[in-house]
Protein backbone atom coordinates (compact mmCIF):
# COMPACT_ATOMS: atom_id res chain seq x y z
CA UNK A 1 11.42 214.37 133.71
CA UNK A 2 14.69 214.46 135.69
CA UNK A 3 13.58 211.40 137.67
CA UNK A 4 13.12 209.45 134.43
CA UNK A 5 16.57 210.46 133.17
CA UNK A 6 18.11 209.56 136.54
CA UNK A 7 16.39 206.17 136.56
CA UNK A 8 17.59 205.54 133.00
CA UNK A 9 21.16 206.41 133.96
CA UNK A 10 20.99 204.12 137.00
CA UNK A 11 19.56 201.28 134.90
CA UNK A 12 22.23 201.80 132.24
CA UNK A 13 24.98 201.85 134.88
CA UNK A 14 23.67 198.65 136.47
CA UNK A 15 23.49 197.02 133.04
CA UNK A 16 27.10 197.94 132.28
CA UNK A 17 28.22 196.61 135.67
CA UNK A 18 26.36 193.33 135.11
CA UNK A 19 27.95 192.98 131.67
CA UNK A 20 31.41 193.64 133.11
CA UNK A 21 30.93 191.10 135.92
CA UNK A 22 29.76 188.46 133.42
CA UNK A 23 32.69 189.14 131.08
CA UNK A 24 35.12 188.97 134.00
CA UNK A 25 33.74 185.60 135.11
CA UNK A 26 34.26 184.18 131.63
CA UNK A 27 37.74 185.68 131.41
CA UNK A 28 38.74 183.98 134.65
CA UNK A 29 38.06 180.50 133.32
CA UNK A 30 41.29 178.73 132.51
CA UNK A 31 42.18 178.55 128.84
CA UNK A 32 42.91 174.86 129.39
CA UNK A 33 39.41 173.95 130.65
CA UNK A 34 37.95 170.96 128.83
CA UNK A 35 35.13 168.44 128.93
CA UNK A 36 36.22 164.81 129.37
CA UNK A 37 33.93 162.06 128.05
CA UNK A 38 34.41 158.46 129.17
CA UNK A 39 33.69 156.10 126.27
CA UNK A 40 36.14 153.42 127.41
CA UNK A 41 33.58 150.81 128.38
CA UNK A 42 34.84 150.80 131.98
CA UNK A 43 34.38 152.96 135.04
CA UNK A 44 37.29 155.34 135.68
CA UNK A 45 38.35 155.35 139.35
CA UNK A 46 41.26 157.79 139.15
CA UNK A 47 41.97 160.70 136.84
CA UNK A 48 45.21 162.66 136.70
CA UNK A 49 46.11 165.71 134.61
CA UNK A 50 49.66 167.07 134.84
CA UNK A 51 51.80 169.46 132.82
CA UNK A 52 53.64 167.61 130.06
CA UNK A 53 56.98 168.84 131.45
CA UNK A 54 56.27 167.34 134.89
CA UNK A 55 57.75 164.02 135.98
CA UNK A 56 54.99 163.44 138.54
CA UNK A 57 51.23 163.20 138.40
CA UNK A 58 49.15 165.80 140.20
CA UNK A 59 46.45 164.66 142.65
CA UNK A 60 43.56 162.45 141.56
CA UNK A 61 40.93 164.85 140.20
CA UNK A 62 38.06 162.48 140.94
CA UNK A 63 38.96 162.03 144.60
CA UNK A 64 36.41 159.58 146.02
CA UNK A 65 34.17 159.85 142.95
CA UNK A 66 34.29 157.73 139.80
CA UNK A 67 33.45 158.46 136.18
CA UNK A 68 31.15 155.80 134.74
CA UNK A 69 31.27 154.76 131.10
CA UNK A 70 29.15 157.21 129.12
CA UNK A 71 29.52 160.03 131.65
CA UNK A 72 31.42 163.30 131.33
CA UNK A 73 33.20 165.68 133.67
CA UNK A 74 34.33 169.28 133.22
CA UNK A 75 38.01 169.76 134.07
CA UNK A 76 38.78 173.33 135.07
CA UNK A 77 42.03 175.17 135.60
CA UNK A 78 42.86 178.34 137.48
CA UNK A 79 42.91 181.40 135.25
CA UNK A 80 46.59 182.00 135.99
CA UNK A 81 47.67 178.57 134.69
CA UNK A 82 50.34 179.01 132.00
CA UNK A 83 51.09 175.46 130.80
CA UNK A 84 49.73 174.60 127.36
CA UNK A 85 50.63 170.91 126.92
CA UNK A 86 49.27 168.37 129.41
CA UNK A 87 49.31 164.63 130.05
CA UNK A 88 46.24 162.66 131.10
CA UNK A 89 46.12 159.38 133.00
CA UNK A 90 43.10 157.26 133.90
CA UNK A 91 42.98 154.23 136.19
CA UNK A 92 40.18 151.65 136.30
CA UNK A 93 38.93 149.70 139.32
CA UNK A 94 41.50 146.92 138.76
CA UNK A 95 44.44 149.34 138.75
CA UNK A 96 44.97 149.25 134.98
CA UNK A 97 46.07 152.62 133.65
CA UNK A 98 46.23 154.38 130.30
CA UNK A 99 48.05 157.61 129.52
CA UNK A 100 47.62 160.21 126.82
CA UNK A 101 50.48 162.67 126.48
CA UNK A 102 51.19 166.12 125.10
CA UNK A 103 47.58 167.31 124.77
CA UNK A 104 47.42 171.00 123.80
CA UNK A 105 44.58 171.99 126.11
CA UNK A 106 44.57 175.58 124.90
CA UNK A 107 43.32 174.30 121.52
CA UNK A 108 41.23 171.38 122.85
CA UNK A 109 37.83 171.85 124.49
CA UNK A 110 36.65 168.22 124.54
CA UNK A 111 38.42 164.89 124.97
CA UNK A 112 36.61 161.58 124.45
CA UNK A 113 38.50 158.55 125.75
CA UNK A 114 38.01 155.19 124.02
CA UNK A 115 39.23 151.65 124.68
CA UNK A 116 38.45 148.58 122.60
CA UNK A 117 40.20 145.29 121.87
CA UNK A 118 43.29 146.29 123.84
CA UNK A 119 43.68 149.65 122.08
CA UNK A 120 43.17 153.06 123.63
CA UNK A 121 42.68 156.33 121.80
CA UNK A 122 41.24 159.78 122.34
CA UNK A 123 39.14 161.94 120.06
CA UNK A 124 39.66 165.66 120.59
CA UNK A 125 37.75 168.74 119.53
């Protein structure tokens, strides 16, 4: 009987540890993380996200990759990031760029970029 109680305690302890580790992993995700959808009709070659208060763009998030029309990418932030408002810039293969400013990424979880007839806009959720 004691072996059964001991096994139950061990199983319960392992379950609590697993739950804690899972909760910690979710807590570490940046509050500003969001999913970016490209619905512009063109392939995005460069993608920049910088704090709204910054006068310079951070590094190109895509690096050597591109984001084709119709594709999405998850943008993640470090858990210690404190900025709330961010600017977003995309550049196509011809060097044309579009910027969206002052996005509250703490309240936004998805951004869909659009471009049609010379007008750009973003839908946010």
